[in-house]
Amino acid sequence: MTIRVLLDRLAGRAVERAFGEAVLVLPMKVTRNATATADPDRASATIRAVISIAPEDRALFADRKGGANTLGPTRLLLAGTWATVTAAEIGRLGYLPIQGDMIVLTDRPGPARYRVTQVDLDDLGAVTLQLTKEAAP
């Protein structure tokens, strides 16, 4: 084990202990033009993750392709939500979450259900999940 991997594990555990919360991962099977259903091949599990909810300020038309990219005064403010999961917790889970899986924040009051919209894996095995809040059923 290299010093970089060891330091990453120690730092990840410290952040997880200080800021982590229990989240329930509900694996979902997503098919085109159909409602997502529970995935029978992957078991649901409760793991720990660090949840970040912060405003995300985007300029409208900022990613326009071709021609001049002139930004008008219109800006879009969204609530960005991310879950950061250490490599050790991913190992306990037994699989990598995928787009469409459901994340339930069990330590928070009310319906705190989020859908995974993007999965980013770093070179040391930690995962950042971009989440979108689900409407209450």
C-alpha atoms as a PDB file:
ATOM      1  CA  MET A   1       0.000   0.000   0.000  1.00  0.00           C
ATOM      2  CA  THR A   2       1.451   3.355  -1.025  1.00  0.00           C
ATOM      3  CA  ILE A   3       1.568   6.363   1.275  1.00  0.00           C
ATOM      4  CA  ARG A   4      -0.936   8.133  -0.996  1.00  0.00           C
ATOM      5  CA  VAL A   5      -3.498   5.345  -0.608  1.00  0.00           C
ATOM      6  CA  LEU A   6      -2.931   5.194   3.156  1.00  0.00           C
ATOM      7  CA  LEU A   7      -3.364   8.971   3.559  1.00  0.00           C
ATOM      8  CA  ASP A   8      -6.507   8.895   1.404  1.00  0.00           C
ATOM      9  CA  ARG A   9      -8.028   6.157   3.561  1.00  0.00           C
ATOM     10  CA  LEU A  10      -7.189   7.962   6.808  1.00  0.00           C
ATOM     11  CA  ALA A  11      -8.553  11.280   5.558  1.00  0.00           C
ATOM     12  CA  GLY A  12     -11.667   9.597   4.151  1.00  0.00           C
ATOM     13  CA  ARG A  13     -12.402   7.887   7.474  1.00  0.00           C
ATOM     14  CA  ALA A  14     -11.934  11.143   9.395  1.00  0.00           C
ATOM     15  CA  VAL A  15     -14.293  13.074   7.114  1.00  0.00           C
ATOM     16  CA  GLU A  16     -16.812  10.223   7.144  1.00  0.00           C
ATOM     17  CA  ARG A  17     -16.800  10.102  10.978  1.00  0.00           C
ATOM     18  CA  ALA A  18     -17.218  13.874  11.279  1.00  0.00           C
ATOM     19  CA  PHE A  19     -19.723  14.566   8.499  1.00  0.00           C
ATOM     20  CA  GLY A  20     -21.043  11.203   7.296  1.00  0.00           C
ATOM     21  CA  GLU A  21     -24.623  10.047   7.648  1.00  0.00           C
ATOM     22  CA  ALA A  22     -26.480   6.820   7.012  1.00  0.00           C
ATOM     23  CA  VAL A  23     -27.922   6.442   3.525  1.00  0.00           C
ATOM     24  CA  LEU A  24     -29.974   3.595   2.150  1.00  0.00           C
ATOM     25  CA  VAL A  25     -29.004   2.565  -1.381  1.00  0.00           C
ATOM     26  CA  LEU A  26     -31.921   1.107  -3.334  1.00  0.00           C
ATOM     27  CA  PRO A  27     -30.659  -0.408  -6.602  1.00  0.00           C
ATOM     28  CA  MET A  28     -33.037   0.231  -9.448  1.00  0.00           C
ATOM     29  CA  LYS A  29     -33.372  -1.263 -12.899  1.00  0.00           C
ATOM     30  CA  VAL A  30     -33.977   1.559 -15.355  1.00  0.00           C
ATOM     31  CA  THR A  31     -35.353   0.819 -18.791  1.00  0.00           C
ATOM     32  CA  ARG A  32     -36.130   3.221 -21.567  1.00  0.00           C
ATOM     33  CA  ASN A  33     -39.693   4.621 -21.483  1.00  0.00           C
ATOM     34  CA  ALA A  34     -40.639   2.707 -18.348  1.00  0.00           C
ATOM     35  CA  THR A  35     -40.819   3.335 -14.637  1.00  0.00           C
ATOM     36  CA  ALA A  36     -37.740   2.234 -12.692  1.00  0.00           C
ATOM     37  CA  THR A  37     -38.197  -0.971 -10.702  1.00  0.00           C
ATOM     38  CA  ALA A  38     -36.149  -2.625  -7.959  1.00  0.00           C
ATOM     39  CA  ASP A  39     -33.105  -4.479  -9.286  1.00  0.00           C
ATOM     40  CA  PRO A  40     -33.270  -8.098  -8.015  1.00  0.00           C
ATOM     41  CA  ASP A  41     -29.588  -8.716  -8.867  1.00  0.00           C
ATOM     42  CA  ARG A  42     -28.257  -6.121  -6.391  1.00  0.00           C
ATOM     43  CA  ALA A  43     -29.245  -5.978  -2.712  1.00  0.00           C
ATOM     44  CA  SER A  44     -30.217  -2.760  -0.973  1.00  0.00           C
ATOM     45  CA  ALA A  45     -27.900  -1.727   1.854  1.00  0.00           C
ATOM     46  CA  THR A  46     -27.276   1.059   4.331  1.00  0.00           C
ATOM     47  CA  ILE A  47     -23.854   2.684   4.089  1.00  0.00           C
ATOM     48  CA  ARG A  48     -22.296   5.957   5.257  1.00  0.00           C
ATOM     49  CA  ALA A  49     -21.764   8.903   2.924  1.00  0.00           C
ATOM     50  CA  VAL A  50     -21.022  12.603   3.163  1.00  0.00           C
ATOM     51  CA  ILE A  51     -23.951  14.578   1.725  1.00  0.00           C
ATOM     52  CA  SER A  52     -23.400  18.057   0.254  1.00  0.00           C
ATOM     53  CA  ILE A  53     -26.335  20.284  -0.629  1.00  0.00           C
ATOM     54  CA  ALA A  54     -25.324  23.685  -1.972  1.00  0.00           C
ATOM     55  CA  PRO A  55     -26.580  26.213  -4.521  1.00  0.00           C
ATOM     56  CA  GLU A  56     -25.229  25.749  -8.005  1.00  0.00           C
ATOM     57  CA  ASP A  57     -25.156  28.912 -10.124  1.00  0.00           C
ATOM     58  CA  ARG A  58     -25.184  28.362 -13.900  1.00  0.00           C
ATOM     59  CA  ALA A  59     -25.268  30.867 -16.704  1.00  0.00           C
ATOM     60  CA  LEU A  60     -28.027  30.117 -19.186  1.00  0.00           C
ATOM     61  CA  PHE A  61     -26.614  29.071 -22.595  1.00  0.00           C
ATOM     62  CA  ALA A  62     -23.092  28.762 -21.112  1.00  0.00           C
ATOM     63  CA  ASP A  63     -22.434  25.565 -23.042  1.00  0.00           C
ATOM     64  CA  ARG A  64     -23.666  26.804 -26.415  1.00  0.00           C
ATOM     65  CA  LYS A  65     -21.695  25.370 -29.333  1.00  0.00           C
ATOM     66  CA  GLY A  66     -20.778  27.169 -32.528  1.00  0.00           C
ATOM     67  CA  GLY A  67     -20.836  30.891 -33.182  1.00  0.00           C
ATOM     68  CA  ALA A  68     -20.331  33.506 -30.529  1.00  0.00           C
ATOM     69  CA  ASN A  69     -21.090  32.411 -26.995  1.00  0.00           C
ATOM     70  CA  THR A  70     -22.640  35.545 -25.601  1.00  0.00           C
ATOM     71  CA  LEU A  71     -24.113  35.213 -22.171  1.00  0.00           C
ATOM     72  CA  GLY A  72     -27.137  37.272 -21.366  1.00  0.00           C
ATOM     73  CA  PRO A  73     -28.072  38.442 -17.886  1.00  0.00           C
ATOM     74  CA  THR A  74     -30.103  35.277 -17.256  1.00  0.00           C
ATOM     75  CA  ARG A  75     -28.713  32.887 -14.676  1.00  0.00           C
ATOM     76  CA  LEU A  76     -30.167  29.668 -13.344  1.00  0.00           C
ATOM     77  CA  LEU A  77     -29.835  28.785  -9.650  1.00  0.00           C
ATOM     78  CA  LEU A  78     -30.211  25.122  -8.778  1.00  0.00           C
ATOM     79  CA  ALA A  79     -29.704  23.117  -5.612  1.00  0.00           C
ATOM     80  CA  GLY A  80     -26.750  20.842  -6.256  1.00  0.00           C
ATOM     81  CA  THR A  81     -26.733  17.649  -4.195  1.00  0.00           C
ATOM     82  CA  TRP A  82     -23.846  15.192  -4.010  1.00  0.00           C
ATOM     83  CA  ALA A  83     -23.036  12.099  -1.978  1.00  0.00           C
ATOM     84  CA  THR A  84     -19.379  11.203  -1.497  1.00  0.00           C
ATOM     85  CA  VAL A  85     -18.736   7.564  -0.634  1.00  0.00           C
ATOM     86  CA  THR A  86     -15.324   6.208   0.379  1.00  0.00           C
ATOM     87  CA  ALA A  87     -13.788   3.166  -1.283  1.00  0.00           C
ATOM     88  CA  ALA A  88     -14.232   1.194   1.960  1.00  0.00           C
ATOM     89  CA  GLU A  89     -17.999   1.880   1.981  1.00  0.00           C
ATOM     90  CA  ILE A  90     -18.265   0.942  -1.705  1.00  0.00           C
ATOM     91  CA  GLY A  91     -16.521  -2.318  -0.782  1.00  0.00           C
ATOM     92  CA  ARG A  92     -19.103  -2.929   1.975  1.00  0.00           C
ATOM     93  CA  LEU A  93     -21.888  -2.208  -0.512  1.00  0.00           C
ATOM     94  CA  GLY A  94     -20.484  -4.789  -2.914  1.00  0.00           C
ATOM     95  CA  TYR A  95     -21.244  -2.939  -6.151  1.00  0.00           C
ATOM     96  CA  LEU A  96     -20.885   0.488  -7.694  1.00  0.00           C
ATOM     97  CA  PRO A  97     -24.111   2.542  -7.669  1.00  0.00           C
ATOM     98  CA  ILE A  98     -25.332   3.367 -11.158  1.00  0.00           C
ATOM     99  CA  GLN A  99     -27.425   6.071 -12.752  1.00  0.00           C
ATOM    100  CA  GLY A 100     -31.052   5.579 -11.745  1.00  0.00           C
ATOM    101  CA  ASP A 101     -30.418   4.057  -8.310  1.00  0.00           C
ATOM    102  CA  MET A 102     -32.323   5.590  -5.387  1.00  0.00           C
ATOM    103  CA  ILE A 103     -30.604   7.064  -2.319  1.00  0.00           C
ATOM    104  CA  VAL A 104     -32.616   7.628   0.873  1.00  0.00           C
ATOM    105  CA  LEU A 105     -31.151   9.891   3.557  1.00  0.00           C
ATOM    106  CA  THR A 106     -32.342   7.969   6.609  1.00  0.00           C
ATOM    107  CA  ASP A 107     -30.980  10.410   9.223  1.00  0.00           C
ATOM    108  CA  ARG A 108     -33.014  13.349   7.894  1.00  0.00           C
ATOM    109  CA  PRO A 109     -36.650  14.118   8.662  1.00  0.00           C
ATOM    110  CA  GLY A 110     -39.278  13.886   5.956  1.00  0.00           C
ATOM    111  CA  PRO A 111     -39.038  12.321   2.514  1.00  0.00           C
ATOM    112  CA  ALA A 112     -35.352  12.670   1.638  1.00  0.00           C
ATOM    113  CA  ARG A 113     -35.257  10.496  -1.489  1.00  0.00           C
ATOM    114  CA  TYR A 114     -32.805  11.191  -4.296  1.00  0.00           C
ATOM    115  CA  ARG A 115     -32.131   9.600  -7.689  1.00  0.00           C
ATOM    116  CA  VAL A 116     -28.510   9.082  -8.837  1.00  0.00           C
ATOM    117  CA  THR A 117     -28.009  11.093 -12.028  1.00  0.00           C
ATOM    118  CA  GLN A 118     -24.241  10.794 -12.420  1.00  0.00           C
ATOM    119  CA  VAL A 119     -21.487   8.612 -10.956  1.00  0.00           C
ATOM    120  CA  ASP A 120     -17.873   9.833 -10.768  1.00  0.00           C
ATOM    121  CA  LEU A 121     -15.108   7.469  -9.624  1.00  0.00           C
ATOM    122  CA  ASP A 122     -11.710   8.805  -8.537  1.00  0.00           C
ATOM    123  CA  ASP A 123      -8.417   6.991  -9.005  1.00  0.00           C
ATOM    124  CA  LEU A 124      -8.404   5.703  -5.402  1.00  0.00           C
ATOM    125  CA  GLY A 125     -11.881   4.155  -5.530  1.00  0.00           C
ATOM    126  CA  ALA A 126     -13.983   6.842  -3.849  1.00  0.00           C
ATOM    127  CA  VAL A 127     -17.248   7.697  -5.584  1.00  0.00           C
ATOM    128  CA  THR A 128     -19.120  10.979  -5.947  1.00  0.00           C
ATOM    129  CA  LEU A 129     -22.795  10.607  -6.794  1.00  0.00           C
ATOM    130  CA  GLN A 130     -24.689  13.551  -8.230  1.00  0.00           C
ATOM    131  CA  LEU A 131     -28.250  13.381  -6.929  1.00  0.00           C
ATOM    132  CA  THR A 132     -31.643  14.774  -7.955  1.00  0.00           C
ATOM    133  CA  LYS A 133     -34.402  15.075  -5.379  1.00  0.00           C
ATOM    134  CA  GLU A 134     -37.417  12.843  -6.001  1.00  0.00           C
ATOM    135  CA  ALA A 135     -40.958  14.045  -5.442  1.00  0.00           C
ATOM    136  CA  ALA A 136     -42.749  12.477  -2.485  1.00  0.00           C
ATOM    137  CA  PRO A 137     -44.804   9.421  -3.533  1.00  0.00           C
END
